[in-house]
Protein backbone atom coordinates (compact mmCIF):
# COMPACT_ATOMS: atom_id res chain seq x y z
CA MET A 1 -26.04 -98.78 -22.11
CA PRO A 2 -25.57 -98.45 -25.89
CA GLU A 3 -24.24 -101.41 -27.80
CA GLN A 4 -20.55 -101.14 -28.57
CA ARG A 5 -19.37 -102.19 -31.99
CA PRO A 6 -15.84 -103.41 -32.53
CA THR A 7 -13.75 -100.84 -34.29
CA THR A 8 -11.13 -101.56 -36.89
CA ARG A 9 -8.06 -99.47 -37.13
CA ARG A 10 -6.83 -98.66 -40.60
CA ALA A 11 -3.09 -98.37 -40.82
CA SER A 12 -2.03 -96.02 -43.58
CA PRO A 13 1.45 -94.75 -44.31
CA ARG A 14 2.45 -91.35 -43.03
CA TYR A 15 2.97 -89.54 -46.32
CA LEU A 16 4.92 -86.63 -44.91
CA ARG A 17 7.46 -88.97 -43.33
CA PHE A 18 7.97 -90.76 -46.64
CA LEU A 19 8.36 -87.45 -48.49
CA VAL A 20 10.85 -86.05 -45.98
CA THR A 21 12.85 -89.29 -45.85
CA GLY A 22 13.05 -89.42 -49.64
CA GLY A 23 14.14 -85.78 -49.76
CA LEU A 24 16.83 -86.36 -47.15
CA VAL A 25 18.15 -89.38 -49.03
CA GLY A 26 18.35 -87.21 -52.14
CA VAL A 27 20.31 -84.53 -50.27
CA LEU A 28 22.68 -87.18 -48.89
CA VAL A 29 23.31 -88.46 -52.41
CA ALA A 30 23.93 -84.86 -53.52
CA THR A 31 26.45 -84.44 -50.70
CA ALA A 32 28.30 -87.60 -51.70
CA LEU A 33 28.39 -86.56 -55.36
CA THR A 34 29.61 -83.07 -54.46
CA VAL A 35 32.41 -84.40 -52.27
CA ARG A 36 33.43 -86.78 -55.01
CA ARG A 37 33.51 -84.08 -57.71
CA SER A 38 34.57 -81.07 -55.64
CA ASP A 39 38.07 -80.98 -57.13
CA GLN A 40 36.65 -80.81 -60.67
CA VAL A 41 34.52 -77.68 -60.23
CA GLU A 42 35.36 -74.10 -59.36
CA GLN A 43 32.55 -73.58 -56.83
CA PRO A 44 31.50 -76.84 -55.15
CA TRP A 45 28.69 -75.17 -53.19
CA VAL A 46 26.91 -74.31 -56.47
CA LEU A 47 27.14 -77.94 -57.54
CA PHE A 48 25.84 -79.03 -54.14
CA LEU A 49 22.95 -76.58 -54.24
CA TYR A 50 21.89 -77.67 -57.71
CA LEU A 51 22.19 -81.37 -56.91
CA ALA A 52 20.46 -81.01 -53.54
CA LEU A 53 17.48 -79.26 -55.11
CA MET A 54 17.16 -81.73 -57.96
CA LEU A 55 17.89 -84.95 -56.09
CA GLY A 56 15.93 -83.83 -53.02
CA ALA A 57 12.85 -83.26 -55.16
CA ILE A 58 13.31 -86.56 -56.99
CA GLY A 59 13.81 -88.37 -53.67
CA ALA A 60 10.66 -86.82 -52.21
CA LEU A 61 8.66 -87.89 -55.26
CA LEU A 62 10.01 -91.42 -55.03
CA GLY A 63 9.23 -91.51 -51.30
CA GLY A 64 5.66 -90.44 -52.01
CA LEU A 65 5.39 -93.09 -54.71
CA VAL A 66 6.57 -95.76 -52.26
CA ALA A 67 3.92 -94.64 -49.75
CA VAL A 68 1.17 -94.83 -52.38
CA VAL A 69 2.30 -98.29 -53.51
CA LEU A 70 2.42 -99.55 -49.92
CA GLU A 71 -1.08 -98.25 -49.23
CA SER A 72 -2.51 -99.77 -52.41
CA ARG A 73 -0.96 -103.14 -51.60
CA ARG A 74 -2.37 -103.02 -48.09
CA ARG A 75 -5.87 -102.39 -49.42
CA SER A 76 -5.85 -105.40 -51.74
């Protein structure tokens, strides 16, 4: 029987989950801002679309950054 070596399991963050969560948080912030300012604009859906795209992208980037920071801290 071959000798069995103990294996170590490396826990790394799931990057896609962090990116999607950050993007969803950005879209939720866009929704809140749109609801708050909907009486000040002529077409609230345009404001929502713009904010959702911008804040969703920023949120995804921040989520990815959090995942990278967590992984680098775990390594050290």
